[in-house]
Amino acid sequence: MPTNAPPALRAAMQRPLLASVFIVASCGLAYELIAGAMASYLLGDSVMQFSTVIGAYLFAMGIGSWLSKFVEGNLLVRFIQIELLVGLLGGLSAGLLFLIFTLHSGPFQFALYALVLLIGILVGLEIPLIMRVLKREVAFKDLVAQVLSVDYIGALAVSLLFPLVLAPQLGLVRSALLFGLLNALVAVWALWLFRAQIGVQNLLRAQSLTVIVLLLAGFAYAGKFVSLAEANLYAEDIVHAESSAYQRIVVTRWRDEIRLYLNNNLQFSSRDEYRYHEALVHPALAALPGARRVLVLGGGDGMAVREILKYPQIESVTLVDLDPRMTTLFAQSDLLRQLNQNSLSSPKVKIVNADALKWLEASSEMFDFVVVDFPDPSNHSLGKLYSTAFYRLLKQHVAQTGLVVVQATSPMYARASFWTVVTTLETAGWQATPYHALVPSFGEWGYIIASQHDYHAPLAIDVSTRFVAADTLPALFHFPKDMARVETEANRLDNQILVRLFEREWGRVQVH
């Protein structure tokens, strides 16, 4: 921008550049969030993934900022070229990472951090270049204040839009492509707005057009791309796939077998889910002939509710599940309703979509029987639901004569994790009675009955079952030497040792 330009013209040019800062900042943070979410979805342990991704990204931005001093020539041209590179690489990043993971998960982490570092360096170049363009027209104190304030406002905007709108509505792949398009459009806007200063740049125009066409094509075909990639990831045919605000939900089918995957982790197979859910419900509920009011935490697939409704004395079941897409899917899909026997449409069932801990804090309801059927504690947001604080809070909602059953991962493959849940319940003031059952899809699986009195196994189970029977119950409560109790600490909110144990133990299983 020439220094002898009229003040009105210089001001008019400043505003578009500051608007570009807003978009650039939004896109820069978006790529960071998408990389962290992708790593969290596919690798688990969201705190570790987001922490390392953010750290690597900020480090790379620092390198980019330092490298910006070596950028010479027409700064506007260099800015446009960098925007096109950021847009192309950032826009395609989620799709590339997803494809790499589905083809072979081994190189995924290397590819993740390579992309994070490369995108971070390019993003780190952007703001210093804009500041160098503006420095002759704006006093230094005003320049820093304006650029940084717009930068931070853009970051705030995308940090709110990403989890609330973009990720659940568009998914990670399309969200990345959308922000890539925004970067490319900033480049095109700058190319047109500053055409007098830039001069004839046919090659730059061709590059801009190519990037935009590639990103638009990617956005248009992102759904088909994800479907093809997931088809390579899952051996079975995919009959339903969607991204909710909380997780990736995939339902597959092979002949008569239906499987549910959440964030690529198997949740059940219709071939043997009855073993899991019968073992979860009947050893405790059959021992409570007076139970009338039941609470199910998690279990949005309705399978545990199906087993509970077999008892005619049950008057009400409150199901609290975080994800409304899960409960809606299993309440409306004809295929899945067959599995849960339309349990979620029973007039006895009330569905609440909320965080279980927050719901318990706000509720004053009391229950005779509680099923705690959360996913395994693979990250800290789930780990809090296996903590002493959560179990103490739960006690305020269970009748003195009531029982609670907790699914507690495998005592075979995650032995210390299982017994940590037992120790945590005991530390929270419960009597804990652990047991296990063989579920072929998962191996030996563990459960814990928590009570405020001595638990006595039922002498009879008077409802229809395929697996659990009164005469075989004693075997479930016997632990052989390789699953016997080990000394562990309680899982507390301020240490979350269970998450670390779980990741380490299941990591060993996956390796071998």
Protein backbone atom coordinates (compact mmCIF):
# COMPACT_ATOMS: atom_id res chain seq x y z
CA MET A 1 0.00 0.00 0.00
CA PRO A 2 1.68 3.26 -1.07
CA THR A 3 2.42 5.72 1.71
CA ASN A 4 1.21 8.65 -0.39
CA ALA A 5 -2.29 7.18 -0.77
CA PRO A 6 -5.12 9.34 0.58
CA PRO A 7 -5.98 8.68 4.26
CA ALA A 8 -9.51 7.51 3.36
CA LEU A 9 -8.08 4.96 0.93
CA ARG A 10 -5.52 3.75 3.44
CA ALA A 11 -8.28 3.29 6.05
CA ALA A 12 -10.43 1.46 3.53
CA MET A 13 -7.55 -0.94 2.85
CA GLN A 14 -6.88 -1.51 6.56
CA ARG A 15 -10.38 -2.77 7.24
CA PRO A 16 -10.26 -5.68 4.77
CA LEU A 17 -6.87 -6.70 6.12
CA LEU A 18 -8.20 -6.71 9.69
CA ALA A 19 -11.21 -8.70 8.50
CA SER A 20 -8.72 -11.13 6.98
CA VAL A 21 -7.03 -11.42 10.37
CA PHE A 22 -10.38 -12.46 11.87
CA ILE A 23 -10.87 -15.21 9.27
CA VAL A 24 -7.24 -16.31 9.41
CA ALA A 25 -7.39 -16.61 13.21
CA SER A 26 -10.64 -18.57 13.01
CA CYS A 27 -9.18 -20.98 10.46
CA GLY A 28 -5.93 -21.37 12.36
CA LEU A 29 -7.68 -22.41 15.56
CA ALA A 30 -10.12 -24.60 13.64
CA TYR A 31 -7.32 -26.76 12.20
CA GLU A 32 -5.91 -27.14 15.71
CA LEU A 33 -9.29 -28.22 17.11
CA ILE A 34 -9.94 -30.60 14.22
CA ALA A 35 -6.55 -32.28 14.65
CA GLY A 36 -7.12 -32.64 18.40
CA ALA A 37 -10.65 -34.01 17.91
CA MET A 38 -9.49 -36.43 15.22
CA ALA A 39 -6.72 -37.74 17.48
CA SER A 40 -9.13 -38.00 20.40
CA TYR A 41 -11.75 -39.86 18.33
CA LEU A 42 -9.28 -42.36 16.90
CA LEU A 43 -6.67 -42.72 19.65
CA GLY A 44 -8.64 -41.99 22.85
CA ASP A 45 -7.36 -40.08 25.92
CA SER A 46 -8.66 -36.67 24.86
CA VAL A 47 -6.58 -34.75 27.43
CA MET A 48 -3.31 -36.24 26.16
CA GLN A 49 -4.23 -35.79 22.49
CA PHE A 50 -5.44 -32.20 22.79
CA SER A 51 -2.49 -31.27 25.01
CA THR A 52 0.15 -32.62 22.65
CA VAL A 53 -1.58 -31.34 19.51
CA ILE A 54 -1.98 -27.83 20.94
CA GLY A 55 1.60 -27.81 22.21
CA ALA A 56 3.01 -28.94 18.84
CA TYR A 57 0.80 -26.47 16.98
CA LEU A 58 1.85 -23.48 19.11
CA PHE A 59 5.49 -24.51 18.80
CA ALA A 60 5.10 -24.65 15.02
CA MET A 61 3.42 -21.24 14.97
CA GLY A 62 6.42 -19.87 16.83
CA ILE A 63 8.72 -21.29 14.16
CA GLY A 64 6.52 -19.75 11.46
CA SER A 65 6.59 -16.36 13.15
CA TRP A 66 10.41 -16.50 13.33
CA LEU A 67 10.67 -17.59 9.68
CA SER A 68 8.46 -14.67 8.59
CA LYS A 69 11.40 -12.27 8.86
CA PHE A 70 13.03 -14.05 5.94
CA VAL A 71 10.01 -13.54 3.65
CA GLU A 72 10.87 -10.83 1.13
CA GLY A 73 9.47 -9.42 -2.10
CA ASN A 74 5.86 -8.40 -2.57
CA LEU A 75 4.40 -9.20 0.85
CA LEU A 76 0.83 -9.24 -0.43
CA VAL A 77 1.75 -11.89 -2.99
CA ARG A 78 3.51 -13.94 -0.32
CA PHE A 79 0.50 -13.60 1.98
CA ILE A 80 -1.84 -14.85 -0.77
CA GLN A 81 0.43 -17.81 -1.54
CA ILE A 82 0.59 -18.77 2.14
CA GLU A 83 -3.20 -18.51 2.45
CA LEU A 84 -3.62 -20.87 -0.49
CA LEU A 85 -1.17 -23.34 1.04
CA VAL A 86 -2.87 -23.17 4.45
CA GLY A 87 -6.28 -23.56 2.85
CA LEU A 88 -5.27 -26.57 0.78
CA LEU A 89 -3.31 -28.37 3.48
CA GLY A 90 -5.63 -27.49 6.35
CA GLY A 91 -8.75 -28.19 4.32
CA LEU A 92 -7.57 -31.65 3.30
CA SER A 93 -5.98 -32.48 6.68
CA ALA A 94 -8.92 -34.28 8.32
CA GLY A 95 -9.65 -36.36 5.23
CA LEU A 96 -5.99 -37.31 4.84
CA LEU A 97 -5.69 -38.32 8.49
CA PHE A 98 -8.89 -40.35 8.37
CA LEU A 99 -7.77 -42.12 5.21
CA ILE A 100 -4.35 -42.92 6.70
CA PHE A 101 -5.98 -44.34 9.84
CA THR A 102 -8.39 -46.54 7.89
CA LEU A 103 -5.65 -47.90 5.62
CA HIS A 104 -3.11 -48.53 8.37
CA SER A 105 -3.28 -47.04 11.86
CA GLY A 106 0.49 -47.36 12.41
CA PRO A 107 1.60 -44.17 10.57
CA PHE A 108 -1.34 -42.15 11.87
CA GLN A 109 0.45 -40.39 14.72
CA PHE A 110 3.45 -39.53 12.54
CA ALA A 111 1.13 -38.10 9.87
CA LEU A 112 -0.88 -36.24 12.53
CA TYR A 113 2.07 -34.38 14.00
CA ALA A 114 3.70 -33.81 10.61
CA LEU A 115 0.52 -32.08 9.42
CA VAL A 116 0.13 -30.18 12.70
CA LEU A 117 3.69 -28.88 12.45
CA LEU A 118 3.43 -27.94 8.79
CA ILE A 119 0.06 -26.19 9.13
CA GLY A 120 1.24 -24.49 12.33
CA ILE A 121 4.33 -23.08 10.60
CA LEU A 122 2.21 -21.70 7.75
CA VAL A 123 -0.34 -20.21 10.17
CA GLY A 124 2.52 -18.68 12.16
CA LEU A 125 3.63 -16.83 9.01
CA GLU A 126 0.25 -15.19 8.40
CA ILE A 127 -0.14 -12.62 11.17
CA PRO A 128 3.46 -11.26 11.00
CA LEU A 129 3.05 -10.73 7.26
CA ILE A 130 -0.21 -8.82 7.74
CA MET A 131 1.43 -6.69 10.42
CA ARG A 132 4.31 -5.89 8.07
CA VAL A 133 1.83 -4.83 5.38
CA LEU A 134 0.01 -2.57 7.83
CA LYS A 135 3.00 -1.18 9.73
CA ARG A 136 3.48 1.90 7.51
CA GLU A 137 -0.15 2.92 7.87
CA VAL A 138 -0.84 2.27 11.55
CA ALA A 139 1.06 3.35 14.62
CA PHE A 140 2.81 0.43 16.29
CA LYS A 141 0.70 0.49 19.46
CA ASP A 142 -2.51 0.65 17.42
CA LEU A 143 -1.25 -2.01 15.03
CA VAL A 144 -0.55 -4.53 17.78
CA ALA A 145 -3.80 -3.74 19.59
CA GLN A 146 -5.97 -4.03 16.47
CA VAL A 147 -4.38 -7.14 15.01
CA LEU A 148 -4.20 -9.10 18.26
CA SER A 149 -7.70 -8.14 19.40
CA VAL A 150 -9.21 -9.24 16.06
CA ASP A 151 -7.06 -12.40 16.20
CA TYR A 152 -8.40 -13.33 19.65
CA ILE A 153 -12.01 -12.53 18.72
CA GLY A 154 -11.73 -14.85 15.70
CA ALA A 155 -10.35 -17.60 17.92
CA LEU A 156 -13.26 -17.17 20.35
CA ALA A 157 -15.81 -17.35 17.54
CA VAL A 158 -14.55 -20.64 16.14
CA SER A 159 -14.01 -22.17 19.60
CA LEU A 160 -17.75 -21.76 20.19
CA LEU A 161 -18.95 -22.68 16.70
CA PHE A 162 -16.82 -25.79 16.36
CA PRO A 163 -18.27 -27.96 19.17
CA LEU A 164 -21.80 -26.53 19.04
CA VAL A 165 -22.47 -26.37 15.30
CA LEU A 166 -19.69 -27.40 12.94
CA ALA A 167 -18.50 -30.76 14.30
CA PRO A 168 -22.00 -32.18 14.95
CA GLN A 169 -23.56 -30.81 11.75
CA LEU A 170 -20.73 -31.08 9.22
CA GLY A 171 -18.36 -33.59 10.78
CA LEU A 172 -14.59 -33.19 10.98
CA VAL A 173 -13.79 -33.76 7.30
CA ARG A 174 -16.29 -31.21 5.96
CA SER A 175 -15.44 -28.72 8.74
CA ALA A 176 -11.78 -28.79 7.72
CA LEU A 177 -12.72 -28.29 4.06
CA LEU A 178 -14.98 -25.37 4.99
CA PHE A 179 -12.18 -23.55 6.78
CA GLY A 180 -9.81 -24.37 3.93
CA LEU A 181 -12.26 -22.65 1.58
CA LEU A 182 -12.33 -19.62 3.87
CA ASN A 183 -8.53 -19.37 3.72
CA ALA A 184 -8.63 -19.66 -0.06
CA LEU A 185 -11.38 -17.03 -0.33
CA VAL A 186 -9.26 -14.64 1.77
CA ALA A 187 -6.49 -15.16 -0.78
CA VAL A 188 -8.85 -14.45 -3.69
CA TRP A 189 -10.27 -11.40 -1.91
CA ALA A 190 -6.80 -10.01 -1.29
CA LEU A 191 -5.82 -10.73 -4.90
CA TRP A 192 -8.78 -8.69 -6.17
CA LEU A 193 -8.66 -5.94 -3.53
CA PHE A 194 -4.98 -5.20 -3.96
CA ARG A 195 -4.76 -5.87 -7.68
CA ALA A 196 -3.25 -2.43 -8.28
CA GLN A 197 -0.39 -3.09 -5.86
CA ILE A 198 0.13 -6.71 -6.93
CA GLY A 199 0.02 -6.23 -10.69
CA VAL A 200 -0.72 -8.94 -13.25
CA GLN A 201 -0.47 -12.34 -11.58
CA ASN A 202 -1.97 -14.93 -13.91
CA LEU A 203 -0.15 -17.78 -12.19
CA LEU A 204 -1.48 -16.67 -8.80
CA ARG A 205 -5.02 -16.56 -10.18
CA ALA A 206 -4.65 -20.04 -11.62
CA GLN A 207 -3.34 -21.33 -8.30
CA SER A 208 -6.26 -19.74 -6.44
CA LEU A 209 -8.79 -21.25 -8.84
CA THR A 210 -7.19 -24.69 -8.58
CA VAL A 211 -7.24 -24.67 -4.77
CA ILE A 212 -10.86 -23.53 -4.61
CA VAL A 213 -12.00 -26.15 -7.14
CA LEU A 214 -10.19 -28.91 -5.22
CA LEU A 215 -11.69 -27.85 -1.89
CA LEU A 216 -15.21 -27.47 -3.34
CA ALA A 217 -14.97 -30.90 -4.90
CA GLY A 218 -13.76 -32.30 -1.59
CA PHE A 219 -16.65 -30.67 0.27
CA ALA A 220 -19.19 -32.00 -2.26
CA TYR A 221 -17.89 -35.56 -2.10
CA ALA A 222 -16.83 -35.67 1.56
CA GLY A 223 -19.76 -37.89 2.53
CA LYS A 224 -18.88 -40.50 -0.11
CA PHE A 225 -15.22 -40.28 0.82
CA VAL A 226 -15.92 -40.95 4.52
CA SER A 227 -18.22 -43.84 3.62
CA LEU A 228 -15.58 -45.44 1.40
CA ALA A 229 -12.88 -44.95 4.02
CA GLU A 230 -15.04 -46.41 6.77
CA ALA A 231 -15.91 -49.35 4.53
CA ASN A 232 -12.20 -50.12 4.49
CA LEU A 233 -11.99 -49.73 8.28
CA TYR A 234 -14.90 -52.05 9.10
CA ALA A 235 -15.06 -55.60 7.79
CA GLU A 236 -18.86 -55.54 7.81
CA ASP A 237 -21.30 -53.53 5.71
CA ILE A 238 -22.06 -50.10 7.19
CA VAL A 239 -25.81 -49.58 7.56
CA HIS A 240 -25.67 -46.31 9.50
CA ALA A 241 -22.94 -43.75 10.19
CA GLU A 242 -23.13 -40.25 11.65
CA SER A 243 -21.17 -37.81 13.77
CA SER A 244 -22.97 -36.41 16.78
CA ALA A 245 -21.78 -33.62 19.02
CA TYR A 246 -20.09 -36.24 21.19
CA GLN A 247 -18.94 -39.17 19.07
CA ARG A 248 -18.84 -40.99 15.76
CA ILE A 249 -21.67 -43.55 15.62
CA VAL A 250 -21.35 -46.46 13.17
CA VAL A 251 -23.71 -49.43 12.89
CA THR A 252 -22.57 -52.37 10.76
CA ARG A 253 -24.18 -55.58 9.54
CA TRP A 254 -22.81 -58.89 8.38
CA ARG A 255 -25.55 -61.38 7.57
CA ASP A 256 -27.60 -61.48 10.80
CA GLU A 257 -25.00 -59.84 13.04
CA ILE A 258 -25.40 -56.17 13.95
CA ARG A 259 -22.54 -54.26 15.57
CA LEU A 260 -22.36 -50.80 17.13
CA TYR A 261 -19.11 -48.83 17.13
CA LEU A 262 -18.57 -45.54 18.96
CA ASN A 263 -15.41 -43.69 17.94
CA ASN A 264 -14.21 -46.91 16.31
CA ASN A 265 -14.66 -48.92 19.54
CA LEU A 266 -16.99 -51.92 19.51
CA GLN A 267 -19.91 -51.46 21.91
CA PHE A 268 -21.89 -54.61 21.21
CA SER A 269 -22.51 -57.40 18.75
CA SER A 270 -26.03 -58.73 18.36
CA ARG A 271 -24.52 -62.22 18.36
CA ASP A 272 -23.73 -62.12 22.08
CA GLU A 273 -24.95 -58.80 23.53
CA TYR A 274 -27.60 -60.74 25.47
CA ARG A 275 -24.83 -62.24 27.60
CA TYR A 276 -23.48 -58.80 28.48
CA HIS A 277 -26.86 -57.23 29.26
CA GLU A 278 -28.34 -60.19 31.11
CA ALA A 279 -25.23 -60.33 33.31
CA LEU A 280 -25.46 -56.57 33.81
CA VAL A 281 -29.09 -56.53 34.99
CA HIS A 282 -30.37 -59.81 36.42
CA PRO A 283 -27.95 -60.74 39.25
CA ALA A 284 -28.94 -57.52 41.04
CA LEU A 285 -32.51 -56.85 39.90
CA ALA A 286 -33.66 -60.42 40.53
CA ALA A 287 -32.52 -59.89 44.14
CA LEU A 288 -34.85 -56.86 44.49
CA PRO A 289 -38.44 -58.09 44.31
CA GLY A 290 -39.58 -54.78 45.75
CA ALA A 291 -37.89 -52.61 43.11
CA ARG A 292 -40.26 -50.17 41.41
CA ARG A 293 -38.17 -47.21 40.22
CA VAL A 294 -35.07 -47.81 38.09
CA LEU A 295 -32.37 -45.47 36.81
CA VAL A 296 -30.12 -46.32 33.85
CA LEU A 297 -27.06 -44.13 33.33
CA GLY A 298 -25.63 -44.53 29.85
CA GLY A 299 -27.04 -47.47 27.92
CA GLY A 300 -28.59 -45.34 25.18
CA ASP A 301 -28.99 -48.44 22.99
CA GLY A 302 -31.92 -49.56 25.18
CA MET A 303 -30.60 -53.11 25.69
CA ALA A 304 -30.33 -52.84 29.48
CA VAL A 305 -33.80 -51.25 29.54
CA ARG A 306 -35.08 -54.26 27.56
CA GLU A 307 -33.90 -56.60 30.32
CA ILE A 308 -35.29 -54.37 33.10
CA LEU A 309 -38.76 -54.25 31.53
CA LYS A 310 -39.01 -58.03 31.80
CA TYR A 311 -39.88 -57.51 35.48
CA PRO A 312 -43.61 -56.68 35.71
CA GLN A 313 -43.29 -54.89 39.05
CA ILE A 314 -41.11 -52.15 37.54
CA GLU A 315 -43.18 -48.97 37.35
CA SER A 316 -40.72 -46.51 35.81
CA VAL A 317 -37.31 -46.44 34.14
CA THR A 318 -35.38 -43.20 33.76
CA LEU A 319 -32.67 -43.43 31.10
CA VAL A 320 -30.01 -40.70 31.25
CA ASP A 321 -27.73 -40.71 28.20
CA LEU A 322 -25.59 -37.80 27.05
CA ASP A 323 -26.10 -38.20 23.31
CA PRO A 324 -29.60 -37.56 21.89
CA ARG A 325 -28.52 -39.03 18.55
CA MET A 326 -27.95 -42.40 20.23
CA THR A 327 -31.32 -42.58 21.95
CA THR A 328 -33.13 -41.27 18.86
CA LEU A 329 -31.40 -43.81 16.62
CA PHE A 330 -32.24 -46.76 18.88
CA ALA A 331 -35.80 -45.54 19.38
CA GLN A 332 -36.57 -45.01 15.68
CA SER A 333 -34.50 -47.42 13.58
CA ASP A 334 -36.55 -50.51 12.73
CA LEU A 335 -33.42 -52.67 12.68
CA LEU A 336 -32.22 -51.50 16.11
CA ARG A 337 -35.67 -51.48 17.68
CA GLN A 338 -35.81 -55.21 16.97
CA LEU A 339 -32.71 -55.65 19.08
CA ASN A 340 -33.94 -53.68 22.09
CA GLN A 341 -37.53 -54.92 21.61
CA ASN A 342 -38.77 -51.36 21.26
CA SER A 343 -37.86 -50.74 24.89
CA LEU A 344 -37.23 -47.02 24.45
CA SER A 345 -40.83 -46.48 23.34
CA SER A 346 -42.32 -48.11 26.45
CA PRO A 347 -44.65 -45.80 28.41
CA LYS A 348 -42.68 -46.76 31.51
CA VAL A 349 -39.48 -45.25 30.09
CA LYS A 350 -38.45 -41.61 30.35
CA ILE A 351 -35.40 -40.55 28.31
CA VAL A 352 -33.22 -37.69 29.51
CA ASN A 353 -30.34 -36.47 27.35
CA ALA A 354 -27.88 -34.92 29.79
CA ASP A 355 -24.51 -35.34 31.44
CA ALA A 356 -25.12 -37.96 34.14
CA LEU A 357 -23.09 -36.17 36.81
CA LYS A 358 -24.81 -32.83 36.23
CA TRP A 359 -28.22 -34.50 36.12
CA LEU A 360 -27.63 -36.26 39.43
CA GLU A 361 -26.51 -32.98 40.99
CA ALA A 362 -29.74 -31.29 39.92
CA SER A 363 -32.14 -34.17 40.60
CA SER A 364 -33.80 -35.10 43.87
CA GLU A 365 -35.27 -38.41 42.64
CA MET A 366 -34.69 -41.68 44.48
CA PHE A 367 -34.38 -45.12 42.89
CA ASP A 368 -34.50 -48.76 43.97
CA PHE A 369 -32.10 -49.99 41.31
CA VAL A 370 -29.45 -48.21 39.24
CA VAL A 371 -27.59 -49.51 36.19
CA VAL A 372 -24.36 -47.63 35.45
CA ASP A 373 -23.55 -48.62 31.87
CA PHE A 374 -21.05 -46.01 30.72
CA PRO A 375 -18.39 -46.62 28.06
CA ASP A 376 -15.02 -47.68 29.42
CA PRO A 377 -12.90 -44.93 31.08
CA SER A 378 -10.76 -44.26 28.01
CA ASN A 379 -10.60 -40.49 28.60
CA HIS A 380 -10.94 -38.03 31.47
CA SER A 381 -14.50 -36.97 30.65
CA LEU A 382 -15.53 -40.61 31.13
CA GLY A 383 -13.10 -41.16 33.98
CA LYS A 384 -14.99 -38.66 36.16
CA LEU A 385 -17.98 -41.05 35.99
CA TYR A 386 -15.88 -43.73 37.69
CA SER A 387 -14.65 -41.46 40.51
CA THR A 388 -15.27 -41.38 44.26
CA ALA A 389 -17.09 -38.08 43.81
CA PHE A 390 -19.52 -39.59 41.32
CA TYR A 391 -20.20 -42.67 43.43
CA ARG A 392 -20.81 -40.55 46.54
CA LEU A 393 -23.23 -38.41 44.58
CA LEU A 394 -24.99 -41.53 43.29
CA LYS A 395 -25.53 -42.77 46.85
CA GLN A 396 -27.83 -39.79 47.48
CA HIS A 397 -30.25 -41.18 44.87
CA VAL A 398 -30.41 -44.85 45.90
CA ALA A 399 -32.79 -46.23 48.50
CA GLN A 400 -31.14 -47.76 51.56
CA THR A 401 -32.25 -51.22 50.45
CA GLY A 402 -31.44 -50.56 46.77
CA LEU A 403 -28.67 -51.87 44.56
CA VAL A 404 -26.38 -50.38 41.92
CA VAL A 405 -24.60 -52.35 39.20
CA VAL A 406 -21.58 -50.91 37.39
CA GLN A 407 -19.98 -52.22 34.20
CA ALA A 408 -16.29 -52.10 34.95
CA THR A 409 -14.20 -53.31 31.95
CA SER A 410 -12.39 -56.65 31.79
CA PRO A 411 -10.77 -58.18 34.88
CA MET A 412 -8.74 -60.34 32.48
CA TYR A 413 -7.30 -57.74 30.09
CA ALA A 414 -7.51 -54.69 32.36
CA ARG A 415 -7.14 -56.33 35.75
CA ALA A 416 -5.84 -53.31 37.68
CA SER A 417 -8.46 -51.06 36.08
CA PHE A 418 -11.28 -53.38 37.15
CA TRP A 419 -10.09 -53.60 40.74
CA THR A 420 -9.54 -49.84 40.80
CA VAL A 421 -13.28 -49.41 40.22
CA VAL A 422 -13.94 -51.81 43.11
CA THR A 423 -11.60 -49.83 45.39
CA THR A 424 -13.20 -46.56 44.27
CA LEU A 425 -16.69 -47.76 45.17
CA GLU A 426 -15.50 -48.96 48.56
CA THR A 427 -13.71 -45.67 49.24
CA ALA A 428 -16.97 -43.87 48.41
CA GLY A 429 -18.73 -45.86 51.13
CA TRP A 430 -20.32 -48.71 49.17
CA GLN A 431 -20.10 -52.43 49.77
CA ALA A 432 -18.75 -53.80 46.49
CA THR A 433 -19.50 -57.29 45.17
CA PRO A 434 -17.58 -57.95 41.95
CA TYR A 435 -18.40 -60.61 39.36
CA HIS A 436 -17.66 -61.42 35.74
CA ALA A 437 -19.11 -63.14 32.67
CA LEU A 438 -17.76 -64.38 29.37
CA VAL A 439 -18.92 -62.27 26.40
CA PRO A 440 -17.21 -63.71 23.29
CA SER A 441 -16.94 -60.34 21.53
CA PHE A 442 -15.06 -58.87 24.49
CA GLY A 443 -13.72 -61.83 26.47
CA GLU A 444 -14.18 -61.96 30.24
CA TRP A 445 -16.11 -58.89 31.31
CA GLY A 446 -16.44 -57.41 34.76
CA TYR A 447 -19.32 -55.98 36.78
CA ILE A 448 -19.71 -54.74 40.33
CA ILE A 449 -22.82 -54.69 42.50
CA ALA A 450 -22.71 -51.79 44.95
CA SER A 451 -24.93 -51.75 48.02
CA GLN A 452 -25.37 -50.20 51.44
CA HIS A 453 -26.02 -53.63 52.95
CA ASP A 454 -24.91 -57.22 52.39
CA TYR A 455 -25.78 -58.47 48.92
CA HIS A 456 -27.30 -61.95 48.59
CA ALA A 457 -27.60 -63.57 45.18
CA PRO A 458 -31.18 -64.38 44.13
CA LEU A 459 -32.40 -67.95 44.56
CA ALA A 460 -34.39 -67.73 41.34
CA ILE A 461 -34.57 -65.61 38.20
CA ASP A 462 -38.18 -65.69 37.16
CA VAL A 463 -37.93 -63.87 33.84
CA SER A 464 -36.95 -65.16 30.42
CA THR A 465 -33.16 -65.31 29.89
CA ARG A 466 -30.79 -67.03 27.48
CA PHE A 467 -27.63 -66.95 29.59
CA VAL A 468 -28.07 -66.05 33.25
CA ALA A 469 -29.64 -68.62 35.55
CA ALA A 470 -29.87 -68.84 39.34
CA ASP A 471 -27.96 -72.12 39.56
CA THR A 472 -25.00 -70.75 37.55
CA LEU A 473 -24.78 -67.39 39.33
CA PRO A 474 -22.24 -68.52 41.98
CA ALA A 475 -19.67 -69.20 39.26
CA LEU A 476 -19.87 -65.59 38.12
CA PHE A 477 -18.74 -64.35 41.54
CA HIS A 478 -15.66 -66.59 41.63
CA PHE A 479 -12.42 -65.08 40.35
CA PRO A 480 -9.59 -67.42 39.32
CA LYS A 481 -6.00 -66.53 40.16
CA ASP A 482 -5.31 -64.61 36.95
CA MET A 483 -8.24 -62.28 37.64
CA ALA A 484 -8.00 -62.16 41.43
CA ARG A 485 -7.88 -58.85 43.28
CA VAL A 486 -4.79 -56.67 43.17
CA GLU A 487 -4.08 -53.67 45.38
CA THR A 488 -5.03 -50.39 43.73
CA GLU A 489 -5.77 -46.78 44.58
CA ALA A 490 -9.18 -45.14 44.33
CA ASN A 491 -9.94 -43.09 41.23
CA ARG A 492 -10.46 -39.47 42.27
CA LEU A 493 -11.35 -36.42 40.23
CA ASP A 494 -7.99 -34.81 40.93
CA ASN A 495 -5.84 -37.76 39.88
CA GLN A 496 -7.83 -39.83 37.33
CA ILE A 497 -5.46 -42.77 37.75
CA LEU A 498 -8.06 -45.08 36.22
CA VAL A 499 -7.73 -43.45 32.78
CA ARG A 500 -3.96 -43.96 32.78
CA LEU A 501 -4.29 -47.56 33.95
CA PHE A 502 -6.95 -48.32 31.38
CA GLU A 503 -4.95 -46.88 28.49
CA ARG A 504 -1.81 -48.77 29.53
CA GLU A 505 -3.53 -52.13 30.03
CA TRP A 506 -5.65 -52.09 26.89
CA GLY A 507 -2.69 -50.72 24.94
CA ARG A 508 -0.79 -53.90 25.75
CA VAL A 509 -3.72 -56.02 24.57
CA GLN A 510 -3.93 -54.15 21.25
CA VAL A 511 -0.20 -54.48 20.62
CA HIS A 512 -0.23 -58.24 21.05
